[in-house]
C-alpha atoms as a PDB file:
ATOM      1  CA  MET A   1     -48.518 -43.995  32.823  1.00  0.00           C
ATOM      2  CA  ALA A   2     -50.559 -47.089  33.543  1.00  0.00           C
ATOM      3  CA  THR A   3     -52.691 -48.368  36.261  1.00  0.00           C
ATOM      4  CA  LEU A   4     -52.041 -50.608  38.804  1.00  0.00           C
ATOM      5  CA  VAL A   5     -55.238 -52.024  40.511  1.00  0.00           C
ATOM      6  CA  THR A   6     -54.249 -54.439  44.275  1.00  0.00           C
ATOM      7  CA  PHE A   7     -56.448 -56.699  45.588  1.00  0.00           C
ATOM      8  CA  HIS A   8     -56.215 -57.675  48.675  1.00  0.00           C
ATOM      9  CA  ALA A   9     -58.588 -59.915  51.630  1.00  0.00           C
ATOM     10  CA  HIS A  10     -57.765 -57.339  55.034  1.00  0.00           C
ATOM     11  CA  PRO A  11     -56.971 -54.433  56.149  1.00  0.00           C
ATOM     12  CA  ASP A  12     -52.491 -54.223  56.439  1.00  0.00           C
ATOM     13  CA  ASP A  13     -52.237 -57.297  54.148  1.00  0.00           C
ATOM     14  CA  GLU A  14     -51.217 -54.311  51.388  1.00  0.00           C
ATOM     15  CA  CYS A  15     -48.454 -52.782  52.811  1.00  0.00           C
ATOM     16  CA  ILE A  16     -47.458 -56.631  53.995  1.00  0.00           C
ATOM     17  CA  ALA A  17     -47.247 -57.765  50.626  1.00  0.00           C
ATOM     18  CA  CYS A  18     -47.279 -55.233  48.039  1.00  0.00           C
ATOM     19  CA  GLY A  19     -46.119 -52.088  49.727  1.00  0.00           C
ATOM     20  CA  GLY A  20     -43.336 -51.644  48.060  1.00  0.00           C
ATOM     21  CA  ILE A  21     -44.263 -52.364  44.141  1.00  0.00           C
ATOM     22  CA  MET A  22     -47.153 -49.273  44.920  1.00  0.00           C
ATOM     23  CA  ARG A  23     -44.705 -46.514  46.141  1.00  0.00           C
ATOM     24  CA  LYS A  24     -42.572 -47.782  43.441  1.00  0.00           C
ATOM     25  CA  ALA A  25     -45.608 -47.752  40.789  1.00  0.00           C
ATOM     26  CA  PHE A  26     -46.394 -44.014  42.298  1.00  0.00           C
ATOM     27  CA  GLU A  27     -42.763 -42.419  42.545  1.00  0.00           C
ATOM     28  CA  GLU A  28     -42.700 -43.712  38.624  1.00  0.00           C
ATOM     29  CA  GLY A  29     -45.609 -41.945  37.523  1.00  0.00           C
ATOM     30  CA  HIS A  30     -48.065 -45.154  37.337  1.00  0.00           C
ATOM     31  CA  ARG A  31     -52.127 -44.815  38.869  1.00  0.00           C
ATOM     32  CA  VAL A  32     -52.609 -46.686  42.026  1.00  0.00           C
ATOM     33  CA  VAL A  33     -55.704 -48.258  43.406  1.00  0.00           C
ATOM     34  CA  LEU A  34     -55.863 -49.988  46.236  1.00  0.00           C
ATOM     35  CA  VAL A  35     -59.599 -52.758  46.587  1.00  0.00           C
ATOM     36  CA  VAL A  36     -60.003 -54.648  50.037  1.00  0.00           C
ATOM     37  CA  ALA A  37     -62.177 -57.006  50.023  1.00  0.00           C
ATOM     38  CA  THR A  38     -63.333 -56.424  53.798  1.00  0.00           C
ATOM     39  CA  ARG A  39     -62.972 -54.164  56.278  1.00  0.00           C
ATOM     40  CA  GLY A  40     -61.286 -56.799  59.009  1.00  0.00           C
ATOM     41  CA  GLU A  41     -63.795 -57.246  61.048  1.00  0.00           C
ATOM     42  CA  HIS A  42     -62.541 -59.798  62.791  1.00  0.00           C
ATOM     43  CA  GLY A  43     -58.769 -59.160  63.755  1.00  0.00           C
ATOM     44  CA  GLU A  44     -56.979 -59.106  67.089  1.00  0.00           C
ATOM     45  CA  VAL A  45     -56.788 -55.567  68.947  1.00  0.00           C
ATOM     46  CA  PRO A  46     -54.787 -55.103  72.440  1.00  0.00           C
ATOM     47  CA  PRO A  47     -57.554 -54.634  75.260  1.00  0.00           C
ATOM     48  CA  GLY A  48     -57.785 -50.864  75.570  1.00  0.00           C
ATOM     49  CA  PHE A  49     -57.000 -49.971  72.439  1.00  0.00           C
ATOM     50  CA  LEU A  50     -60.507 -48.988  71.157  1.00  0.00           C
ATOM     51  CA  ALA A  51     -62.855 -45.673  72.248  1.00  0.00           C
ATOM     52  CA  ASP A  52     -65.829 -46.988  74.064  1.00  0.00           C
ATOM     53  CA  ASP A  53     -67.981 -48.342  71.908  1.00  0.00           C
ATOM     54  CA  GLU A  54     -65.435 -48.079  68.569  1.00  0.00           C
ATOM     55  CA  PRO A  55     -65.807 -50.910  66.084  1.00  0.00           C
ATOM     56  CA  LEU A  56     -62.502 -51.841  64.849  1.00  0.00           C
ATOM     57  CA  TRP A  57     -63.923 -51.772  61.270  1.00  0.00           C
ATOM     58  CA  ARG A  58     -63.695 -48.610  61.546  1.00  0.00           C
ATOM     59  CA  ARG A  59     -60.271 -47.845  63.340  1.00  0.00           C
ATOM     60  CA  ARG A  60     -59.254 -50.139  60.023  1.00  0.00           C
ATOM     61  CA  VAL A  61     -60.820 -48.527  57.707  1.00  0.00           C
ATOM     62  CA  GLU A  62     -59.115 -44.888  58.408  1.00  0.00           C
ATOM     63  CA  GLU A  63     -55.990 -46.918  59.026  1.00  0.00           C
ATOM     64  CA  THR A  64     -56.186 -48.233  55.658  1.00  0.00           C
ATOM     65  CA  ARG A  65     -57.053 -44.766  54.452  1.00  0.00           C
ATOM     66  CA  ALA A  66     -53.393 -43.089  55.840  1.00  0.00           C
ATOM     67  CA  ALA A  67     -51.594 -46.011  54.301  1.00  0.00           C
ATOM     68  CA  ALA A  68     -52.974 -45.658  51.090  1.00  0.00           C
ATOM     69  CA  GLU A  69     -51.768 -42.321  51.119  1.00  0.00           C
ATOM     70  CA  ILE A  70     -48.151 -44.107  52.193  1.00  0.00           C
ATOM     71  CA  LEU A  71     -47.536 -45.578  49.591  1.00  0.00           C
ATOM     72  CA  GLY A  72     -49.340 -43.542  46.968  1.00  0.00           C
ATOM     73  CA  ALA A  73     -52.752 -44.914  46.169  1.00  0.00           C
ATOM     74  CA  LYS A  74     -55.106 -42.534  44.500  1.00  0.00           C
ATOM     75  CA  ARG A  75     -58.172 -45.146  44.967  1.00  0.00           C
ATOM     76  CA  LEU A  76     -59.454 -46.587  47.436  1.00  0.00           C
ATOM     77  CA  GLU A  77     -62.148 -49.314  47.399  1.00  0.00           C
ATOM     78  CA  PHE A  78     -63.798 -52.022  49.997  1.00  0.00           C
ATOM     79  CA  LEU A  79     -66.113 -54.775  48.226  1.00  0.00           C
ATOM     80  CA  GLY A  80     -68.185 -54.530  51.488  1.00  0.00           C
ATOM     81  CA  TYR A  81     -67.455 -58.393  52.659  1.00  0.00           C
ATOM     82  CA  THR A  82     -67.124 -58.993  56.046  1.00  0.00           C
ATOM     83  CA  ASP A  83     -63.601 -60.816  57.716  1.00  0.00           C
ATOM     84  CA  SER A  84     -64.075 -64.052  57.721  1.00  0.00           C
ATOM     85  CA  GLY A  85     -61.611 -65.194  60.153  1.00  0.00           C
ATOM     86  CA  MET A  86     -58.916 -67.835  60.087  1.00  0.00           C
ATOM     87  CA  MET A  87     -59.943 -70.953  58.220  1.00  0.00           C
ATOM     88  CA  GLY A  88     -61.922 -73.487  60.428  1.00  0.00           C
ATOM     89  CA  THR A  89     -63.793 -70.770  62.651  1.00  0.00           C
ATOM     90  CA  PRO A  90     -66.968 -70.031  62.920  1.00  0.00           C
ATOM     91  CA  GLU A  91     -66.558 -66.717  60.855  1.00  0.00           C
ATOM     92  CA  ASN A  92     -66.142 -68.304  57.989  1.00  0.00           C
ATOM     93  CA  ASP A  93     -69.996 -69.080  58.058  1.00  0.00           C
ATOM     94  CA  LEU A  94     -71.226 -66.032  59.063  1.00  0.00           C
ATOM     95  CA  PRO A  95     -73.886 -63.555  56.811  1.00  0.00           C
ATOM     96  CA  GLY A  96     -71.613 -61.625  54.119  1.00  0.00           C
ATOM     97  CA  SER A  97     -68.513 -63.019  55.117  1.00  0.00           C
ATOM     98  CA  PHE A  98     -66.273 -63.041  51.419  1.00  0.00           C
ATOM     99  CA  TRP A  99     -65.354 -66.955  52.016  1.00  0.00           C
ATOM    100  CA  ARG A 100     -68.444 -67.655  50.908  1.00  0.00           C
ATOM    101  CA  ALA A 101     -69.553 -65.151  48.482  1.00  0.00           C
ATOM    102  CA  PRO A 102     -70.734 -66.118  45.395  1.00  0.00           C
ATOM    103  CA  VAL A 103     -67.026 -66.345  43.003  1.00  0.00           C
ATOM    104  CA  GLU A 104     -68.728 -64.916  40.051  1.00  0.00           C
ATOM    105  CA  GLU A 105     -70.492 -62.398  41.838  1.00  0.00           C
ATOM    106  CA  ALA A 106     -67.719 -60.876  43.658  1.00  0.00           C
ATOM    107  CA  ALA A 107     -65.876 -61.006  40.709  1.00  0.00           C
ATOM    108  CA  ALA A 108     -68.158 -58.693  38.976  1.00  0.00           C
ATOM    109  CA  LYS A 109     -67.620 -56.390  41.681  1.00  0.00           C
ATOM    110  CA  LEU A 110     -63.847 -56.215  40.742  1.00  0.00           C
ATOM    111  CA  ALA A 111     -64.164 -55.947  37.185  1.00  0.00           C
ATOM    112  CA  ALA A 112     -66.447 -53.476  37.392  1.00  0.00           C
ATOM    113  CA  ILE A 113     -63.728 -51.194  39.329  1.00  0.00           C
ATOM    114  CA  LEU A 114     -61.118 -52.774  36.680  1.00  0.00           C
ATOM    115  CA  ARG A 115     -62.711 -51.318  33.652  1.00  0.00           C
ATOM    116  CA  GLU A 116     -63.584 -48.126  35.415  1.00  0.00           C
ATOM    117  CA  GLU A 117     -59.452 -47.986  36.013  1.00  0.00           C
ATOM    118  CA  ARG A 118     -58.750 -49.366  32.343  1.00  0.00           C
ATOM    119  CA  ALA A 119     -56.102 -51.769  34.543  1.00  0.00           C
ATOM    120  CA  ASP A 120     -53.064 -52.597  33.415  1.00  0.00           C
ATOM    121  CA  VAL A 121     -51.988 -54.409  35.829  1.00  0.00           C
ATOM    122  CA  LEU A 122     -53.976 -56.467  38.995  1.00  0.00           C
ATOM    123  CA  THR A 123     -52.218 -57.943  41.609  1.00  0.00           C
ATOM    124  CA  VAL A 124     -53.584 -61.143  43.576  1.00  0.00           C
ATOM    125  CA  TYR A 125     -52.759 -63.903  45.799  1.00  0.00           C
ATOM    126  CA  ASP A 126     -51.703 -67.278  45.005  1.00  0.00           C
ATOM    127  CA  ASP A 127     -53.573 -70.039  44.832  1.00  0.00           C
ATOM    128  CA  ASN A 128     -53.384 -70.998  48.381  1.00  0.00           C
ATOM    129  CA  GLY A 129     -54.423 -67.397  49.698  1.00  0.00           C
ATOM    130  CA  THR A 130     -50.134 -67.444  50.104  1.00  0.00           C
ATOM    131  CA  TYR A 131     -50.859 -69.214  54.330  1.00  0.00           C
ATOM    132  CA  GLY A 132     -54.347 -70.434  53.636  1.00  0.00           C
ATOM    133  CA  HIS A 133     -56.112 -68.409  54.915  1.00  0.00           C
ATOM    134  CA  PRO A 134     -60.030 -68.451  53.209  1.00  0.00           C
ATOM    135  CA  ASP A 135     -59.897 -64.690  52.553  1.00  0.00           C
ATOM    136  CA  HIS A 136     -56.656 -64.992  50.664  1.00  0.00           C
ATOM    137  CA  ILE A 137     -57.642 -68.560  48.613  1.00  0.00           C
ATOM    138  CA  GLN A 138     -60.480 -66.585  47.861  1.00  0.00           C
ATOM    139  CA  VAL A 139     -58.820 -63.180  46.560  1.00  0.00           C
ATOM    140  CA  HIS A 140     -56.823 -65.629  44.538  1.00  0.00           C
ATOM    141  CA  ARG A 141     -60.471 -67.260  42.768  1.00  0.00           C
ATOM    142  CA  VAL A 142     -62.508 -63.659  42.488  1.00  0.00           C
ATOM    143  CA  GLY A 143     -59.316 -61.768  41.353  1.00  0.00           C
ATOM    144  CA  MET A 144     -58.715 -63.740  38.757  1.00  0.00           C
ATOM    145  CA  ARG A 145     -61.816 -64.738  37.515  1.00  0.00           C
ATOM    146  CA  ALA A 146     -62.305 -60.595  37.846  1.00  0.00           C
ATOM    147  CA  ALA A 147     -59.525 -60.566  35.382  1.00  0.00           C
ATOM    148  CA  GLU A 148     -60.949 -62.008  32.799  1.00  0.00           C
ATOM    149  CA  LEU A 149     -64.469 -60.453  32.973  1.00  0.00           C
ATOM    150  CA  ALA A 150     -62.108 -57.192  32.775  1.00  0.00           C
ATOM    151  CA  GLY A 151     -59.499 -58.195  30.111  1.00  0.00           C
ATOM    152  CA  THR A 152     -56.980 -57.538  32.433  1.00  0.00           C
ATOM    153  CA  PRO A 153     -53.797 -57.732  30.325  1.00  0.00           C
ATOM    154  CA  ARG A 154     -51.773 -58.747  33.174  1.00  0.00           C
ATOM    155  CA  VAL A 155     -52.189 -60.618  36.768  1.00  0.00           C
ATOM    156  CA  TYR A 156     -49.805 -61.206  39.114  1.00  0.00           C
ATOM    157  CA  GLN A 157     -49.983 -63.519  42.140  1.00  0.00           C
ATOM    158  CA  SER A 158     -48.651 -62.355  45.220  1.00  0.00           C
ATOM    159  CA  THR A 159     -46.690 -64.919  46.952  1.00  0.00           C
ATOM    160  CA  VAL A 160     -43.724 -65.660  49.744  1.00  0.00           C
ATOM    161  CA  ASN A 161     -40.697 -67.084  48.319  1.00  0.00           C
ATOM    162  CA  THR A 162     -40.473 -69.992  50.887  1.00  0.00           C
ATOM    163  CA  ASP A 163     -36.443 -70.758  49.823  1.00  0.00           C
ATOM    164  CA  HIS A 164     -35.760 -66.777  50.834  1.00  0.00           C
ATOM    165  CA  MET A 165     -37.302 -66.862  53.863  1.00  0.00           C
ATOM    166  CA  ARG A 166     -36.067 -70.782  55.511  1.00  0.00           C
ATOM    167  CA  ALA A 167     -32.712 -69.052  54.627  1.00  0.00           C
ATOM    168  CA  GLY A 168     -33.516 -65.750  56.974  1.00  0.00           C
ATOM    169  CA  LEU A 169     -34.753 -67.610  59.337  1.00  0.00           C
ATOM    170  CA  ALA A 170     -31.650 -69.379  60.034  1.00  0.00           C
ATOM    171  CA  GLU A 171     -29.346 -66.400  59.451  1.00  0.00           C
ATOM    172  CA  PHE A 172     -31.455 -64.248  61.946  1.00  0.00           C
ATOM    173  CA  ALA A 173     -32.666 -66.627  64.540  1.00  0.00           C
ATOM    174  CA  ALA A 174     -29.419 -67.037  67.134  1.00  0.00           C
ATOM    175  CA  ARG A 175     -29.269 -62.565  66.711  1.00  0.00           C
ATOM    176  CA  ALA A 176     -32.886 -62.975  67.201  1.00  0.00           C
ATOM    177  CA  ALA A 177     -33.245 -64.808  70.726  1.00  0.00           C
ATOM    178  CA  GLU A 178     -30.509 -62.465  71.897  1.00  0.00           C
ATOM    179  CA  SER A 179     -32.488 -59.184  71.445  1.00  0.00           C
ATOM    180  CA  GLY A 180     -35.900 -61.146  72.545  1.00  0.00           C
ATOM    181  CA  ILE A 181     -37.442 -61.217  69.575  1.00  0.00           C
ATOM    182  CA  LYS A 182     -39.653 -64.065  68.804  1.00  0.00           C
ATOM    183  CA  ILE A 183     -39.726 -65.856  65.290  1.00  0.00           C
ATOM    184  CA  PRO A 184     -41.041 -68.962  64.021  1.00  0.00           C
ATOM    185  CA  GLY A 185     -39.067 -71.050  63.624  1.00  0.00           C
ATOM    186  CA  VAL A 186     -38.377 -73.409  59.858  1.00  0.00           C
ATOM    187  CA  GLU A 187     -40.224 -75.906  60.859  1.00  0.00           C
ATOM    188  CA  ASN A 188     -43.441 -73.415  61.781  1.00  0.00           C
ATOM    189  CA  LEU A 189     -43.557 -72.284  57.705  1.00  0.00           C
ATOM    190  CA  GLY A 190     -45.936 -74.729  57.261  1.00  0.00           C
ATOM    191  CA  GLU A 191     -47.675 -73.790  54.407  1.00  0.00           C
ATOM    192  CA  LEU A 192     -46.745 -70.588  54.160  1.00  0.00           C
ATOM    193  CA  GLY A 193     -45.184 -69.281  50.213  1.00  0.00           C
ATOM    194  CA  LYS A 194     -44.394 -71.526  47.203  1.00  0.00           C
ATOM    195  CA  PRO A 195     -40.991 -72.920  46.194  1.00  0.00           C
ATOM    196  CA  ALA A 196     -37.903 -70.559  44.625  1.00  0.00           C
ATOM    197  CA  ALA A 197     -39.595 -72.718  41.208  1.00  0.00           C
ATOM    198  CA  GLU A 198     -41.975 -71.651  40.687  1.00  0.00           C
ATOM    199  CA  ILE A 199     -41.804 -67.820  41.380  1.00  0.00           C
ATOM    200  CA  THR A 200     -41.186 -65.935  37.832  1.00  0.00           C
ATOM    201  CA  ALA A 201     -41.182 -62.373  39.190  1.00  0.00           C
ATOM    202  CA  ALA A 202     -39.034 -60.745  42.032  1.00  0.00           C
ATOM    203  CA  VAL A 203     -39.488 -56.714  42.771  1.00  0.00           C
ATOM    204  CA  ASP A 204     -36.313 -55.768  44.259  1.00  0.00           C
ATOM    205  CA  VAL A 205     -38.142 -52.887  46.375  1.00  0.00           C
ATOM    206  CA  ARG A 206     -35.747 -51.787  48.771  1.00  0.00           C
ATOM    207  CA  PRO A 207     -35.730 -48.225  47.560  1.00  0.00           C
ATOM    208  CA  TRP A 208     -39.451 -47.565  49.054  1.00  0.00           C
ATOM    209  CA  LEU A 209     -38.544 -49.706  52.284  1.00  0.00           C
ATOM    210  CA  ASN A 210     -39.194 -46.529  54.302  1.00  0.00           C
ATOM    211  CA  ALA A 211     -42.489 -45.913  53.203  1.00  0.00           C
ATOM    212  CA  LYS A 212     -43.576 -49.917  53.294  1.00  0.00           C
ATOM    213  CA  ARG A 213     -42.829 -49.776  57.503  1.00  0.00           C
ATOM    214  CA  ALA A 214     -44.667 -46.343  57.492  1.00  0.00           C
ATOM    215  CA  ALA A 215     -47.805 -47.841  56.280  1.00  0.00           C
ATOM    216  CA  MET A 216     -46.775 -50.853  58.854  1.00  0.00           C
ATOM    217  CA  ARG A 217     -46.955 -48.467  61.415  1.00  0.00           C
ATOM    218  CA  ALA A 218     -50.137 -46.924  60.335  1.00  0.00           C
ATOM    219  CA  HIS A 219     -51.995 -50.092  60.817  1.00  0.00           C
ATOM    220  CA  ALA A 220     -51.716 -49.230  64.981  1.00  0.00           C
ATOM    221  CA  SER A 221     -54.529 -51.554  65.852  1.00  0.00           C
ATOM    222  CA  GLN A 222     -53.163 -54.783  64.297  1.00  0.00           C
ATOM    223  CA  ILE A 223     -48.923 -53.804  64.309  1.00  0.00           C
ATOM    224  CA  SER A 224     -47.767 -52.453  67.043  1.00  0.00           C
ATOM    225  CA  GLU A 225     -44.315 -51.451  67.772  1.00  0.00           C
ATOM    226  CA  GLN A 226     -43.981 -55.120  69.528  1.00  0.00           C
ATOM    227  CA  SER A 227     -44.780 -57.315  66.736  1.00  0.00           C
ATOM    228  CA  LEU A 228     -42.551 -59.273  65.164  1.00  0.00           C
ATOM    229  CA  PHE A 229     -42.746 -56.633  61.700  1.00  0.00           C
ATOM    230  CA  LEU A 230     -41.654 -52.869  63.212  1.00  0.00           C
ATOM    231  CA  ALA A 231     -39.246 -54.889  65.935  1.00  0.00           C
ATOM    232  CA  MET A 232     -36.876 -56.667  63.884  1.00  0.00           C
ATOM    233  CA  PRO A 233     -33.398 -54.992  63.514  1.00  0.00           C
ATOM    234  CA  GLU A 234     -33.185 -52.948  59.395  1.00  0.00           C
ATOM    235  CA  ASP A 235     -31.062 -55.580  57.776  1.00  0.00           C
ATOM    236  CA  ALA A 236     -33.638 -58.583  58.754  1.00  0.00           C
ATOM    237  CA  PHE A 237     -36.309 -56.218  57.466  1.00  0.00           C
ATOM    238  CA  THR A 238     -34.587 -55.792  54.524  1.00  0.00           C
ATOM    239  CA  HIS A 239     -33.643 -59.599  53.885  1.00  0.00           C
ATOM    240  CA  ALA A 240     -37.754 -60.147  54.785  1.00  0.00           C
ATOM    241  CA  PHE A 241     -39.418 -57.720  52.817  1.00  0.00           C
ATOM    242  CA  GLY A 242     -36.944 -55.879  50.042  1.00  0.00           C
ATOM    243  CA  THR A 243     -37.817 -58.146  47.562  1.00  0.00           C
ATOM    244  CA  GLU A 244     -41.889 -58.866  46.377  1.00  0.00           C
ATOM    245  CA  TRP A 245     -42.531 -61.781  45.234  1.00  0.00           C
ATOM    246  CA  PHE A 246     -45.398 -62.810  42.775  1.00  0.00           C
ATOM    247  CA  ILE A 247     -46.285 -65.648  39.733  1.00  0.00           C
ATOM    248  CA  ARG A 248     -47.499 -64.687  36.718  1.00  0.00           C
ATOM    249  CA  ALA A 249     -49.004 -67.457  34.031  1.00  0.00           C
ATOM    250  CA  GLY A 250     -47.144 -67.930  31.023  1.00  0.00           C
ATOM    251  CA  GLN A 251     -43.884 -66.684  32.273  1.00  0.00           C
ATOM    252  CA  GLY A 252     -40.756 -68.572  33.480  1.00  0.00           C
ATOM    253  CA  PRO A 253     -39.139 -71.487  35.077  1.00  0.00           C
ATOM    254  CA  GLY A 254     -37.046 -69.013  37.114  1.00  0.00           C
ATOM    255  CA  ILE A 255     -37.538 -65.257  37.259  1.00  0.00           C
ATOM    256  CA  THR A 256     -38.218 -63.535  34.252  1.00  0.00           C
ATOM    257  CA  GLU A 257     -39.700 -60.502  35.591  1.00  0.00           C
ATOM    258  CA  THR A 258     -38.320 -57.675  37.833  1.00  0.00           C
ATOM    259  CA  ASP A 259     -40.882 -55.132  37.273  1.00  0.00           C
ATOM    260  CA  LEU A 260     -44.943 -55.116  37.608  1.00  0.00           C
ATOM    261  CA  MET A 261     -44.653 -52.358  35.114  1.00  0.00           C
ATOM    262  CA  ALA A 262     -42.504 -52.905  32.473  1.00  0.00           C
ATOM    263  CA  GLY A 263     -43.016 -51.178  28.706  1.00  0.00           C
ATOM    264  CA  LEU A 264     -46.016 -49.930  30.544  1.00  0.00           C
END
């Protein structure tokens, strides 16, 4: 048995980016630990969704606990920072925001968990935080430094395969329009992910997609049944989420790994 620690910015990020590898590791007998930097205080929630005087962060923590159980995480930790909002918004500069946290301070907190768990594998995000969100970029910075401090041997940067995503959008666009589902156009991918040539690990998580989708449903305050993630047909969901993509320094060029826990 080895230990996988997966580090994320907000509640619900874990199931979208790494839900498959989490459930896979759990079912293969490994220990799975989920660490979340913030409690997602500035997420968007439909009017009337929360009870009177119920803070969003409390609901999102409850949802994360439920999703973590579905995905097989045996430990859930929040680092205690505040959601920084989208890039360029006032929330970036609020006291306690993760974006403004000193990297060494936050990395020391994460490194302490890595040492306690004797982590064999850590996942973070790529250097642009997958899509340019400030908290996701900070996950990369903090996570990479924490791995150095703790001596964690394997660090994988979760990302999106932009070439794969472009192909999927082109294939499913017409069908989505017929079904009334709005999907972003290829021209709107912006900073999302990395080109296939930069990716070194591709994990087939199709056997665990039911758990991944169930974990998404657990985050009902952020992922509704009408959302693109849950409304898309099964084959489109499989194309979008059936492979989880990573970059590991020293690997490549091309895909050289298909299992983050191989040999452990």
